[in-house]
PDB file of N, CA and C in Angstrom:
ATOM      1  N   MET A   1     -58.279  32.804  78.128  1.00  0.00           N
ATOM      2  CA  MET A   1     -57.886  32.293  76.837  1.00  0.00           C
ATOM      3  C   MET A   1     -56.806  31.232  77.053  1.00  0.00           C
ATOM      4  N   THR A   2     -56.991  30.082  76.416  1.00  0.00           N
ATOM      5  CA  THR A   2     -56.000  29.025  76.543  1.00  0.00           C
ATOM      6  C   THR A   2     -55.037  29.091  75.379  1.00  0.00           C
ATOM      7  N   SER A   3     -53.834  28.674  75.660  1.00  0.00           N
ATOM      8  CA  SER A   3     -52.852  28.674  74.577  1.00  0.00           C
ATOM      9  C   SER A   3     -52.740  27.272  73.993  1.00  0.00           C
ATOM     10  N   LEU A   4     -52.464  27.236  72.743  1.00  0.00           N
ATOM     11  CA  LEU A   4     -52.300  25.982  72.026  1.00  0.00           C
ATOM     12  C   LEU A   4     -50.825  25.666  71.968  1.00  0.00           C
ATOM     13  N   SER A   5     -50.452  24.506  72.494  1.00  0.00           N
ATOM     14  CA  SER A   5     -49.046  24.138  72.427  1.00  0.00           C
ATOM     15  C   SER A   5     -48.874  22.977  71.461  1.00  0.00           C
ATOM     16  N   LEU A   6     -47.940  23.138  70.586  1.00  0.00           N
ATOM     17  CA  LEU A   6     -47.631  22.109  69.609  1.00  0.00           C
ATOM     18  C   LEU A   6     -46.443  21.298  70.097  1.00  0.00           C
ATOM     19  N   PRO A   7     -46.460  19.996  69.805  1.00  0.00           N
ATOM     20  CA  PRO A   7     -45.308  19.200  70.233  1.00  0.00           C
ATOM     21  C   PRO A   7     -44.044  19.673  69.530  1.00  0.00           C
ATOM     22  N   SER A   8     -42.978  19.733  70.292  1.00  0.00           N
ATOM     23  CA  SER A   8     -41.722  20.170  69.680  1.00  0.00           C
ATOM     24  C   SER A   8     -41.091  18.989  68.956  1.00  0.00           C
ATOM     25  N   ARG A   9     -40.436  19.283  67.865  1.00  0.00           N
ATOM     26  CA  ARG A   9     -39.753  18.269  67.080  1.00  0.00           C
ATOM     27  C   ARG A   9     -38.280  18.608  67.009  1.00  0.00           C
ATOM     28  N   ALA A  10     -37.485  17.574  67.147  1.00  0.00           N
ATOM     29  CA  ALA A  10     -36.045  17.783  67.009  1.00  0.00           C
ATOM     30  C   ALA A  10     -35.740  18.079  65.553  1.00  0.00           C
ATOM     31  N   PRO A  11     -34.755  18.907  65.298  1.00  0.00           N
ATOM     32  CA  PRO A  11     -34.386  19.192  63.906  1.00  0.00           C
ATOM     33  C   PRO A  11     -33.969  17.905  63.187  1.00  0.00           C
ATOM     34  N   VAL A  12     -34.308  17.818  61.944  1.00  0.00           N
ATOM     35  CA  VAL A  12     -33.949  16.662  61.129  1.00  0.00           C
ATOM     36  C   VAL A  12     -32.645  16.975  60.411  1.00  0.00           C
ATOM     37  N   THR A  13     -31.719  16.068  60.517  1.00  0.00           N
ATOM     38  CA  THR A  13     -30.421  16.273  59.879  1.00  0.00           C
ATOM     39  C   THR A  13     -30.470  15.844  58.418  1.00  0.00           C
ATOM     40  N   PRO A  14     -29.579  16.362  57.590  1.00  0.00           N
ATOM     41  CA  PRO A  14     -29.517  15.911  56.197  1.00  0.00           C
ATOM     42  C   PRO A  14     -29.306  14.394  56.092  1.00  0.00           C
ATOM     43  N   GLN A  15     -28.508  13.833  56.988  1.00  0.00           N
ATOM     44  CA  GLN A  15     -28.265  12.381  56.973  1.00  0.00           C
ATOM     45  C   GLN A  15     -29.558  11.611  57.245  1.00  0.00           C
ATOM     46  N   GLN A  16     -30.389  12.111  58.162  1.00  0.00           N
ATOM     47  CA  GLN A  16     -31.668  11.454  58.449  1.00  0.00           C
ATOM     48  C   GLN A  16     -32.594  11.534  57.235  1.00  0.00           C
ATOM     49  N   LEU A  17     -32.606  12.690  56.580  1.00  0.00           N
ATOM     50  CA  LEU A  17     -33.427  12.832  55.377  1.00  0.00           C
ATOM     51  C   LEU A  17     -32.971  11.873  54.287  1.00  0.00           C
ATOM     52  N   LEU A  18     -31.672  11.782  54.088  1.00  0.00           N
ATOM     53  CA  LEU A  18     -31.120  10.880  53.087  1.00  0.00           C
ATOM     54  C   LEU A  18     -31.436   9.431  53.432  1.00  0.00           C
ATOM     55  N   SER A  19     -31.265   9.055  54.695  1.00  0.00           N
ATOM     56  CA  SER A  19     -31.554   7.685  55.124  1.00  0.00           C
ATOM     57  C   SER A  19     -33.016   7.333  54.887  1.00  0.00           C
ATOM     58  N   GLU A  20     -33.904   8.253  55.175  1.00  0.00           N
ATOM     59  CA  GLU A  20     -35.339   8.002  54.968  1.00  0.00           C
ATOM     60  C   GLU A  20     -35.651   7.869  53.482  1.00  0.00           C
ATOM     61  N   GLN A  21     -35.046   8.707  52.669  1.00  0.00           N
ATOM     62  CA  GLN A  21     -35.278   8.628  51.223  1.00  0.00           C
ATOM     63  C   GLN A  21     -34.773   7.302  50.663  1.00  0.00           C
ATOM     64  N   VAL A  22     -33.605   6.881  51.088  1.00  0.00           N
ATOM     65  CA  VAL A  22     -33.061   5.591  50.640  1.00  0.00           C
ATOM     66  C   VAL A  22     -33.975   4.459  51.088  1.00  0.00           C
ATOM     67  N   ARG A  23     -34.464   4.506  52.325  1.00  0.00           N
ATOM     68  CA  ARG A  23     -35.391   3.475  52.819  1.00  0.00           C
ATOM     69  C   ARG A  23     -36.648   3.410  51.964  1.00  0.00           C
ATOM     70  N   ARG A  24     -37.206   4.576  51.612  1.00  0.00           N
ATOM     71  CA  ARG A  24     -38.412   4.608  50.788  1.00  0.00           C
ATOM     72  C   ARG A  24     -38.150   4.064  49.390  1.00  0.00           C
ATOM     73  N   ILE A  25     -37.009   4.396  48.834  1.00  0.00           N
ATOM     74  CA  ILE A  25     -36.652   3.903  47.501  1.00  0.00           C
ATOM     75  C   ILE A  25     -36.523   2.384  47.513  1.00  0.00           C
ATOM     76  N   LEU A  26     -35.800   1.869  48.496  1.00  0.00           N
ATOM     77  CA  LEU A  26     -35.545   0.435  48.535  1.00  0.00           C
ATOM     78  C   LEU A  26     -36.782  -0.393  48.892  1.00  0.00           C
ATOM     79  N   SER A  27     -37.791   0.245  49.503  1.00  0.00           N
ATOM     80  CA  SER A  27     -39.011  -0.486  49.835  1.00  0.00           C
ATOM     81  C   SER A  27     -40.145  -0.196  48.858  1.00  0.00           C
ATOM     82  N   ALA A  28     -39.859   0.523  47.784  1.00  0.00           N
ATOM     83  CA  ALA A  28     -40.882   0.865  46.798  1.00  0.00           C
ATOM     84  C   ALA A  28     -41.420  -0.398  46.119  1.00  0.00           C
ATOM     85  N   PRO A  29     -42.697  -0.378  45.733  1.00  0.00           N
ATOM     86  CA  PRO A  29     -43.277  -1.564  45.099  1.00  0.00           C
ATOM     87  C   PRO A  29     -42.661  -1.891  43.741  1.00  0.00           C
ATOM     88  N   VAL A  30     -41.924  -0.976  43.170  1.00  0.00           N
ATOM     89  CA  VAL A  30     -41.344  -1.204  41.848  1.00  0.00           C
ATOM     90  C   VAL A  30     -40.433  -2.423  41.828  1.00  0.00           C
ATOM     91  N   TYR A  31     -39.872  -2.768  42.983  1.00  0.00           N
ATOM     92  CA  TYR A  31     -38.975  -3.925  43.019  1.00  0.00           C
ATOM     93  C   TYR A  31     -39.723  -5.255  42.932  1.00  0.00           C
ATOM     94  N   ASP A  32     -41.052  -5.193  42.819  1.00  0.00           N
ATOM     95  CA  ASP A  32     -41.826  -6.391  42.477  1.00  0.00           C
ATOM     96  C   ASP A  32     -41.529  -6.781  41.032  1.00  0.00           C
ATOM     97  N   LEU A  33     -41.119  -5.812  40.225  1.00  0.00           N
ATOM     98  CA  LEU A  33     -40.906  -6.033  38.800  1.00  0.00           C
ATOM     99  C   LEU A  33     -39.511  -5.625  38.329  1.00  0.00           C
ATOM    100  N   ALA A  34     -39.074  -4.461  38.734  1.00  0.00           N
ATOM    101  CA  ALA A  34     -37.758  -3.972  38.307  1.00  0.00           C
ATOM    102  C   ALA A  34     -36.665  -4.670  39.111  1.00  0.00           C
ATOM    103  N   ILE A  35     -35.455  -4.584  38.597  1.00  0.00           N
ATOM    104  CA  ILE A  35     -34.322  -5.128  39.333  1.00  0.00           C
ATOM    105  C   ILE A  35     -33.484  -3.978  39.881  1.00  0.00           C
ATOM    106  N   GLU A  36     -32.747  -4.249  40.931  1.00  0.00           N
ATOM    107  CA  GLU A  36     -31.828  -3.257  41.466  1.00  0.00           C
ATOM    108  C   GLU A  36     -30.580  -3.298  40.602  1.00  0.00           C
ATOM    109  N   THR A  37     -30.366  -2.245  39.852  1.00  0.00           N
ATOM    110  CA  THR A  37     -29.269  -2.234  38.892  1.00  0.00           C
ATOM    111  C   THR A  37     -27.990  -1.709  39.537  1.00  0.00           C
ATOM    112  N   PRO A  38     -26.845  -2.171  39.047  1.00  0.00           N
ATOM    113  CA  PRO A  38     -25.572  -1.776  39.652  1.00  0.00           C
ATOM    114  C   PRO A  38     -25.088  -0.412  39.166  1.00  0.00           C
ATOM    115  N   LEU A  39     -24.141   0.111  39.918  1.00  0.00           N
ATOM    116  CA  LEU A  39     -23.388   1.283  39.482  1.00  0.00           C
ATOM    117  C   LEU A  39     -22.105   0.770  38.839  1.00  0.00           C
ATOM    118  N   GLN A  40     -21.710   1.417  37.760  1.00  0.00           N
ATOM    119  CA  GLN A  40     -20.496   1.001  37.062  1.00  0.00           C
ATOM    120  C   GLN A  40     -19.610   2.215  36.881  1.00  0.00           C
ATOM    121  N   GLY A  41     -18.348   2.057  37.197  1.00  0.00           N
ATOM    122  CA  GLY A  41     -17.396   3.143  37.041  1.00  0.00           C
ATOM    123  C   GLY A  41     -17.194   3.506  35.579  1.00  0.00           C
ATOM    124  N   ALA A  42     -16.953   4.782  35.344  1.00  0.00           N
ATOM    125  CA  ALA A  42     -16.654   5.293  34.000  1.00  0.00           C
ATOM    126  C   ALA A  42     -15.261   5.911  34.060  1.00  0.00           C
ATOM    127  N   PRO A  43     -14.222   5.082  33.916  1.00  0.00           N
ATOM    128  CA  PRO A  43     -12.853   5.580  34.141  1.00  0.00           C
ATOM    129  C   PRO A  43     -12.431   6.731  33.232  1.00  0.00           C
ATOM    130  N   ALA A  44     -12.740   6.664  31.951  1.00  0.00           N
ATOM    131  CA  ALA A  44     -12.318   7.732  31.032  1.00  0.00           C
ATOM    132  C   ALA A  44     -13.017   9.045  31.378  1.00  0.00           C
ATOM    133  N   LEU A  45     -14.304   8.979  31.633  1.00  0.00           N
ATOM    134  CA  LEU A  45     -15.059  10.185  31.995  1.00  0.00           C
ATOM    135  C   LEU A  45     -14.594  10.710  33.353  1.00  0.00           C
ATOM    136  N   SER A  46     -14.343   9.801  34.298  1.00  0.00           N
ATOM    137  CA  SER A  46     -13.829  10.211  35.614  1.00  0.00           C
ATOM    138  C   SER A  46     -12.506  10.952  35.475  1.00  0.00           C
ATOM    139  N   ALA A  47     -11.600  10.403  34.671  1.00  0.00           N
ATOM    140  CA  ALA A  47     -10.294  11.044  34.470  1.00  0.00           C
ATOM    141  C   ALA A  47     -10.443  12.402  33.804  1.00  0.00           C
ATOM    142  N   SER A  48     -11.326  12.475  32.823  1.00  0.00           N
ATOM    143  CA  SER A  48     -11.547  13.718  32.100  1.00  0.00           C
ATOM    144  C   SER A  48     -12.102  14.820  33.008  1.00  0.00           C
ATOM    145  N   LEU A  49     -12.955  14.438  33.945  1.00  0.00           N
ATOM    146  CA  LEU A  49     -13.596  15.411  34.828  1.00  0.00           C
ATOM    147  C   LEU A  49     -12.866  15.594  36.151  1.00  0.00           C
ATOM    148  N   GLY A  50     -11.886  14.743  36.409  1.00  0.00           N
ATOM    149  CA  GLY A  50     -11.157  14.856  37.658  1.00  0.00           C
ATOM    150  C   GLY A  50     -11.995  14.491  38.866  1.00  0.00           C
ATOM    151  N   ASN A  51     -12.915  13.571  38.679  1.00  0.00           N
ATOM    152  CA  ASN A  51     -13.798  13.145  39.759  1.00  0.00           C
ATOM    153  C   ASN A  51     -14.254  11.722  39.465  1.00  0.00           C
ATOM    154  N   GLN A  52     -14.759  11.047  40.461  1.00  0.00           N
ATOM    155  CA  GLN A  52     -15.266   9.694  40.229  1.00  0.00           C
ATOM    156  C   GLN A  52     -16.671   9.780  39.655  1.00  0.00           C
ATOM    157  N   VAL A  53     -16.867   9.180  38.484  1.00  0.00           N
ATOM    158  CA  VAL A  53     -18.173   9.161  37.834  1.00  0.00           C
ATOM    159  C   VAL A  53     -18.660   7.714  37.804  1.00  0.00           C
ATOM    160  N   LEU A  54     -19.870   7.516  38.302  1.00  0.00           N
ATOM    161  CA  LEU A  54     -20.502   6.204  38.291  1.00  0.00           C
ATOM    162  C   LEU A  54     -21.759   6.275  37.441  1.00  0.00           C
ATOM    163  N   LEU A  55     -21.989   5.256  36.648  1.00  0.00           N
ATOM    164  CA  LEU A  55     -23.176   5.187  35.801  1.00  0.00           C
ATOM    165  C   LEU A  55     -24.152   4.192  36.400  1.00  0.00           C
ATOM    166  N   LYS A  56     -25.420   4.558  36.499  1.00  0.00           N
ATOM    167  CA  LYS A  56     -26.472   3.667  36.979  1.00  0.00           C
ATOM    168  C   LYS A  56     -26.954   2.859  35.795  1.00  0.00           C
ATOM    169  N   ARG A  57     -26.799   1.556  35.811  1.00  0.00           N
ATOM    170  CA  ARG A  57     -27.027   0.691  34.663  1.00  0.00           C
ATOM    171  C   ARG A  57     -28.499   0.305  34.495  1.00  0.00           C
ATOM    172  N   GLU A  58     -29.342   1.310  34.240  1.00  0.00           N
ATOM    173  CA  GLU A  58     -30.767   1.048  34.030  1.00  0.00           C
ATOM    174  C   GLU A  58     -31.028   0.326  32.709  1.00  0.00           C
ATOM    175  N   ASP A  59     -30.033   0.279  31.841  1.00  0.00           N
ATOM    176  CA  ASP A  59     -30.184  -0.466  30.593  1.00  0.00           C
ATOM    177  C   ASP A  59     -30.255  -1.972  30.847  1.00  0.00           C
ATOM    178  N   LEU A  60     -30.039  -2.400  32.079  1.00  0.00           N
ATOM    179  CA  LEU A  60     -30.138  -3.814  32.434  1.00  0.00           C
ATOM    180  C   LEU A  60     -31.546  -4.207  32.900  1.00  0.00           C
ATOM    181  N   GLN A  61     -32.455  -3.227  32.960  1.00  0.00           N
ATOM    182  CA  GLN A  61     -33.851  -3.518  33.325  1.00  0.00           C
ATOM    183  C   GLN A  61     -34.499  -4.374  32.239  1.00  0.00           C
ATOM    184  N   PRO A  62     -35.599  -5.067  32.562  1.00  0.00           N
ATOM    185  CA  PRO A  62     -36.286  -5.884  31.557  1.00  0.00           C
ATOM    186  C   PRO A  62     -36.695  -5.099  30.302  1.00  0.00           C
ATOM    187  N   THR A  63     -36.944  -3.798  30.455  1.00  0.00           N
ATOM    188  CA  THR A  63     -37.320  -2.965  29.311  1.00  0.00           C
ATOM    189  C   THR A  63     -36.153  -2.108  28.820  1.00  0.00           C
ATOM    190  N   PHE A  64     -34.961  -2.341  29.361  1.00  0.00           N
ATOM    191  CA  PHE A  64     -33.737  -1.635  28.966  1.00  0.00           C
ATOM    192  C   PHE A  64     -33.772  -0.139  29.272  1.00  0.00           C
ATOM    193  N   SER A  65     -34.608   0.267  30.229  1.00  0.00           N
ATOM    194  CA  SER A  65     -34.759   1.678  30.538  1.00  0.00           C
ATOM    195  C   SER A  65     -35.276   1.858  31.961  1.00  0.00           C
ATOM    196  N   PHE A  66     -35.017   3.028  32.541  1.00  0.00           N
ATOM    197  CA  PHE A  66     -35.539   3.363  33.856  1.00  0.00           C
ATOM    198  C   PHE A  66     -37.043   3.625  33.836  1.00  0.00           C
ATOM    199  N   LYS A  67     -37.645   3.789  32.667  1.00  0.00           N
ATOM    200  CA  LYS A  67     -39.052   4.158  32.561  1.00  0.00           C
ATOM    201  C   LYS A  67     -39.990   3.166  33.238  1.00  0.00           C
ATOM    202  N   ILE A  68     -39.554   1.932  33.404  1.00  0.00           N
ATOM    203  CA  ILE A  68     -40.379   0.928  34.070  1.00  0.00           C
ATOM    204  C   ILE A  68     -40.674   1.337  35.514  1.00  0.00           C
ATOM    205  N   ARG A  69     -39.765   2.065  36.130  1.00  0.00           N
ATOM    206  CA  ARG A  69     -39.939   2.457  37.529  1.00  0.00           C
ATOM    207  C   ARG A  69     -41.167   3.338  37.727  1.00  0.00           C
ATOM    208  N   GLY A  70     -41.264   4.396  36.956  1.00  0.00           N
ATOM    209  CA  GLY A  70     -42.402   5.302  37.094  1.00  0.00           C
ATOM    210  C   GLY A  70     -43.708   4.664  36.658  1.00  0.00           C
ATOM    211  N   ALA A  71     -43.657   3.906  35.577  1.00  0.00           N
ATOM    212  CA  ALA A  71     -44.870   3.262  35.077  1.00  0.00           C
ATOM    213  C   ALA A  71     -45.416   2.275  36.104  1.00  0.00           C
ATOM    214  N   TYR A  72     -44.550   1.428  36.642  1.00  0.00           N
ATOM    215  CA  TYR A  72     -45.019   0.438  37.610  1.00  0.00           C
ATOM    216  C   TYR A  72     -45.502   1.095  38.894  1.00  0.00           C
ATOM    217  N   THR A  73     -44.763   2.094  39.370  1.00  0.00           N
ATOM    218  CA  THR A  73     -45.163   2.769  40.602  1.00  0.00           C
ATOM    219  C   THR A  73     -46.548   3.379  40.449  1.00  0.00           C
ATOM    220  N   ARG A  74     -46.784   4.050  39.332  1.00  0.00           N
ATOM    221  CA  ARG A  74     -48.089   4.692  39.121  1.00  0.00           C
ATOM    222  C   ARG A  74     -49.193   3.656  38.978  1.00  0.00           C
ATOM    223  N   LEU A  75     -48.986   2.630  38.167  1.00  0.00           N
ATOM    224  CA  LEU A  75     -50.038   1.640  37.954  1.00  0.00           C
ATOM    225  C   LEU A  75     -50.330   0.846  39.226  1.00  0.00           C
ATOM    226  N   SER A  76     -49.326   0.598  40.031  1.00  0.00           N
ATOM    227  CA  SER A  76     -49.543  -0.165  41.260  1.00  0.00           C
ATOM    228  C   SER A  76     -50.370   0.605  42.276  1.00  0.00           C
ATOM    229  N   ARG A  77     -50.463   1.916  42.113  1.00  0.00           N
ATOM    230  CA  ARG A  77     -51.227   2.752  43.052  1.00  0.00           C
ATOM    231  C   ARG A  77     -52.652   3.041  42.576  1.00  0.00           C
ATOM    232  N   LEU A  78     -53.054   2.480  41.457  1.00  0.00           N
ATOM    233  CA  LEU A  78     -54.419   2.694  40.980  1.00  0.00           C
ATOM    234  C   LEU A  78     -55.425   2.023  41.905  1.00  0.00           C
ATOM    235  N   SER A  79     -56.583   2.638  42.033  1.00  0.00           N
ATOM    236  CA  SER A  79     -57.653   2.042  42.835  1.00  0.00           C
ATOM    237  C   SER A  79     -58.229   0.833  42.092  1.00  0.00           C
ATOM    238  N   PRO A  80     -58.960  -0.029  42.770  1.00  0.00           N
ATOM    239  CA  PRO A  80     -59.581  -1.166  42.086  1.00  0.00           C
ATOM    240  C   PRO A  80     -60.479  -0.732  40.923  1.00  0.00           C
ATOM    241  N   ALA A  81     -61.209   0.353  41.086  1.00  0.00           N
ATOM    242  CA  ALA A  81     -62.071   0.845  40.004  1.00  0.00           C
ATOM    243  C   ALA A  81     -61.244   1.304  38.803  1.00  0.00           C
ATOM    244  N   GLN A  82     -60.152   1.999  39.071  1.00  0.00           N
ATOM    245  CA  GLN A  82     -59.276   2.446  37.990  1.00  0.00           C
ATOM    246  C   GLN A  82     -58.615   1.250  37.299  1.00  0.00           C
ATOM    247  N   ARG A  83     -58.208   0.272  38.068  1.00  0.00           N
ATOM    248  CA  ARG A  83     -57.601  -0.927  37.487  1.00  0.00           C
ATOM    249  C   ARG A  83     -58.583  -1.646  36.570  1.00  0.00           C
ATOM    250  N   ALA A  84     -59.838  -1.683  36.977  1.00  0.00           N
ATOM    251  CA  ALA A  84     -60.854  -2.369  36.174  1.00  0.00           C
ATOM    252  C   ALA A  84     -61.054  -1.691  34.825  1.00  0.00           C
ATOM    253  N   ARG A  85     -60.854  -0.374  34.765  1.00  0.00           N
ATOM    254  CA  ARG A  85     -61.011   0.352  33.499  1.00  0.00           C
ATOM    255  C   ARG A  85     -59.827   0.151  32.566  1.00  0.00           C
ATOM    256  N   GLY A  86     -58.669  -0.210  33.105  1.00  0.00           N
ATOM    257  CA  GLY A  86     -57.472  -0.352  32.287  1.00  0.00           C
ATOM    258  C   GLY A  86     -56.797   0.992  32.096  1.00  0.00           C
ATOM    259  N   VAL A  87     -55.713   0.976  31.331  1.00  0.00           N
ATOM    260  CA  VAL A  87     -54.933   2.194  31.123  1.00  0.00           C
ATOM    261  C   VAL A  87     -54.656   2.385  29.635  1.00  0.00           C
ATOM    262  N   ILE A  88     -54.367   3.626  29.298  1.00  0.00           N
ATOM    263  CA  ILE A  88     -53.977   3.952  27.928  1.00  0.00           C
ATOM    264  C   ILE A  88     -52.808   4.931  28.017  1.00  0.00           C
ATOM    265  N   THR A  89     -51.856   4.778  27.119  1.00  0.00           N
ATOM    266  CA  THR A  89     -50.726   5.700  27.087  1.00  0.00           C
ATOM    267  C   THR A  89     -50.299   5.914  25.645  1.00  0.00           C
ATOM    268  N   ALA A  90     -49.656   7.019  25.413  1.00  0.00           N
ATOM    269  CA  ALA A  90     -49.088   7.310  24.100  1.00  0.00           C
ATOM    270  C   ALA A  90     -47.584   7.477  24.285  1.00  0.00           C
ATOM    271  N   SER A  91     -46.827   6.734  23.514  1.00  0.00           N
ATOM    272  CA  SER A  91     -45.373   6.792  23.628  1.00  0.00           C
ATOM    273  C   SER A  91     -44.756   6.180  22.389  1.00  0.00           C
ATOM    274  N   ALA A  92     -43.580   6.645  22.066  1.00  0.00           N
ATOM    275  CA  ALA A  92     -42.857   6.092  20.921  1.00  0.00           C
ATOM    276  C   ALA A  92     -41.769   5.125  21.350  1.00  0.00           C
ATOM    277  N   GLY A  93     -41.714   4.776  22.637  1.00  0.00           N
ATOM    278  CA  GLY A  93     -40.611   3.907  23.013  1.00  0.00           C
ATOM    279  C   GLY A  93     -40.608   3.400  24.428  1.00  0.00           C
ATOM    280  N   ASN A  94     -39.638   3.875  25.209  1.00  0.00           N
ATOM    281  CA  ASN A  94     -39.370   3.313  26.523  1.00  0.00           C
ATOM    282  C   ASN A  94     -40.547   3.381  27.485  1.00  0.00           C
ATOM    283  N   HIS A  95     -41.272   4.493  27.491  1.00  0.00           N
ATOM    284  CA  HIS A  95     -42.423   4.600  28.389  1.00  0.00           C
ATOM    285  C   HIS A  95     -43.474   3.563  28.024  1.00  0.00           C
ATOM    286  N   ALA A  96     -43.721   3.382  26.750  1.00  0.00           N
ATOM    287  CA  ALA A  96     -44.702   2.384  26.309  1.00  0.00           C
ATOM    288  C   ALA A  96     -44.308   0.993  26.778  1.00  0.00           C
ATOM    289  N   GLN A  97     -43.041   0.663  26.672  1.00  0.00           N
ATOM    290  CA  GLN A  97     -42.577  -0.648  27.120  1.00  0.00           C
ATOM    291  C   GLN A  97     -42.755  -0.803  28.632  1.00  0.00           C
ATOM    292  N   GLY A  98     -42.471   0.251  29.373  1.00  0.00           N
ATOM    293  CA  GLY A  98     -42.644   0.203  30.824  1.00  0.00           C
ATOM    294  C   GLY A  98     -44.091   0.014  31.224  1.00  0.00           C
ATOM    295  N   VAL A  99     -44.995   0.758  30.593  1.00  0.00           N
ATOM    296  CA  VAL A  99     -46.426   0.625  30.888  1.00  0.00           C
ATOM    297  C   VAL A  99     -46.920  -0.765  30.502  1.00  0.00           C
ATOM    298  N   ALA A 100     -46.524  -1.248  29.337  1.00  0.00           N
ATOM    299  CA  ALA A 100     -46.978  -2.563  28.882  1.00  0.00           C
ATOM    300  C   ALA A 100     -46.525  -3.662  29.843  1.00  0.00           C
ATOM    301  N   LEU A 101     -45.271  -3.638  30.250  1.00  0.00           N
ATOM    302  CA  LEU A 101     -44.768  -4.673  31.155  1.00  0.00           C
ATOM    303  C   LEU A 101     -45.411  -4.560  32.535  1.00  0.00           C
ATOM    304  N   ALA A 102     -45.543  -3.337  33.047  1.00  0.00           N
ATOM    305  CA  ALA A 102     -46.166  -3.132  34.357  1.00  0.00           C
ATOM    306  C   ALA A 102     -47.627  -3.584  34.335  1.00  0.00           C
ATOM    307  N   ALA A 103     -48.354  -3.218  33.288  1.00  0.00           N
ATOM    308  CA  ALA A 103     -49.758  -3.621  33.187  1.00  0.00           C
ATOM    309  C   ALA A 103     -49.885  -5.138  33.113  1.00  0.00           C
ATOM    310  N   ALA A 104     -49.047  -5.775  32.341  1.00  0.00           N
ATOM    311  CA  ALA A 104     -49.081  -7.236  32.238  1.00  0.00           C
ATOM    312  C   ALA A 104     -48.809  -7.869  33.599  1.00  0.00           C
ATOM    313  N   HIS A 105     -47.832  -7.346  34.306  1.00  0.00           N
ATOM    314  CA  HIS A 105     -47.465  -7.885  35.614  1.00  0.00           C
ATOM    315  C   HIS A 105     -48.604  -7.727  36.619  1.00  0.00           C
ATOM    316  N   LEU A 106     -49.335  -6.611  36.523  1.00  0.00           N
ATOM    317  CA  LEU A 106     -50.428  -6.322  37.449  1.00  0.00           C
ATOM    318  C   LEU A 106     -51.770  -6.869  36.973  1.00  0.00           C
ATOM    319  N   GLY A 107     -51.803  -7.465  35.786  1.00  0.00           N
ATOM    320  CA  GLY A 107     -53.051  -8.016  35.256  1.00  0.00           C
ATOM    321  C   GLY A 107     -54.024  -6.962  34.772  1.00  0.00           C
ATOM    322  N   LEU A 108     -53.510  -5.832  34.298  1.00  0.00           N
ATOM    323  CA  LEU A 108     -54.361  -4.739  33.806  1.00  0.00           C
ATOM    324  C   LEU A 108     -54.418  -4.769  32.288  1.00  0.00           C
ATOM    325  N   ASN A 109     -55.530  -4.331  31.743  1.00  0.00           N
ATOM    326  CA  ASN A 109     -55.614  -4.106  30.294  1.00  0.00           C
ATOM    327  C   ASN A 109     -54.932  -2.780  29.989  1.00  0.00           C
ATOM    328  N   ALA A 110     -54.087  -2.786  28.969  1.00  0.00           N
ATOM    329  CA  ALA A 110     -53.380  -1.557  28.606  1.00  0.00           C
ATOM    330  C   ALA A 110     -53.464  -1.380  27.089  1.00  0.00           C
ATOM    331  N   THR A 111     -53.752  -0.160  26.695  1.00  0.00           N
ATOM    332  CA  THR A 111     -53.720   0.230  25.295  1.00  0.00           C
ATOM    333  C   THR A 111     -52.531   1.150  25.105  1.00  0.00           C
ATOM    334  N   ILE A 112     -51.652   0.796  24.178  1.00  0.00           N
ATOM    335  CA  ILE A 112     -50.466   1.604  23.917  1.00  0.00           C
ATOM    336  C   ILE A 112     -50.636   2.229  22.539  1.00  0.00           C
ATOM    337  N   VAL A 113     -50.637   3.552  22.477  1.00  0.00           N
ATOM    338  CA  VAL A 113     -50.777   4.267  21.220  1.00  0.00           C
ATOM    339  C   VAL A 113     -49.388   4.740  20.797  1.00  0.00           C
ATOM    340  N   MET A 114     -48.985   4.360  19.598  1.00  0.00           N
ATOM    341  CA  MET A 114     -47.660   4.724  19.113  1.00  0.00           C
ATOM    342  C   MET A 114     -47.795   5.499  17.796  1.00  0.00           C
ATOM    343  N   PRO A 115     -46.914   6.463  17.558  1.00  0.00           N
ATOM    344  CA  PRO A 115     -46.975   7.206  16.301  1.00  0.00           C
ATOM    345  C   PRO A 115     -46.555   6.319  15.125  1.00  0.00           C
ATOM    346  N   THR A 116     -46.979   6.703  13.949  1.00  0.00           N
ATOM    347  CA  THR A 116     -46.633   5.921  12.760  1.00  0.00           C
ATOM    348  C   THR A 116     -45.316   6.377  12.135  1.00  0.00           C
ATOM    349  N   THR A 117     -44.724   7.453  12.621  1.00  0.00           N
ATOM    350  CA  THR A 117     -43.483   7.956  12.020  1.00  0.00           C
ATOM    351  C   THR A 117     -42.297   7.097  12.361  1.00  0.00           C
TER     352      THR A 117
END
C-alpha cells in the first residue's frame, strides 16, 4: 500500500491574509467605474468614544453610495450569454442607481423596477 503525501504549507499569518485581501480589493474590476474614496476623521465622535473614528466617504461615489461596488462587480462577472439577456432589478434607491450606472458602463440593457410609494 502506498501512502499519499500532501505538500506541506507554511502557516498563513493574519498580516498575510490582510495583505492579500487588500490586494484583491484594490485590483477589483469595480475601479473601472467607482472611485477610491477617502477616509475622513470624525473628531466629535472620536472624542465621544475615546478612540479614533474614520468615516469612509462613499457618498463621493458617482451614485452617492457604496452600492455601485456590488452592482458593478456582479454585472462585470456575467457571462456573454447573460449579458446579452440584460438585467432586471427592483430597488427604491441606491441599488437601482448602482445597477443602472454599472449596466450603462458595461453596455448592458437594464430594467429597473421601482415601487410607486
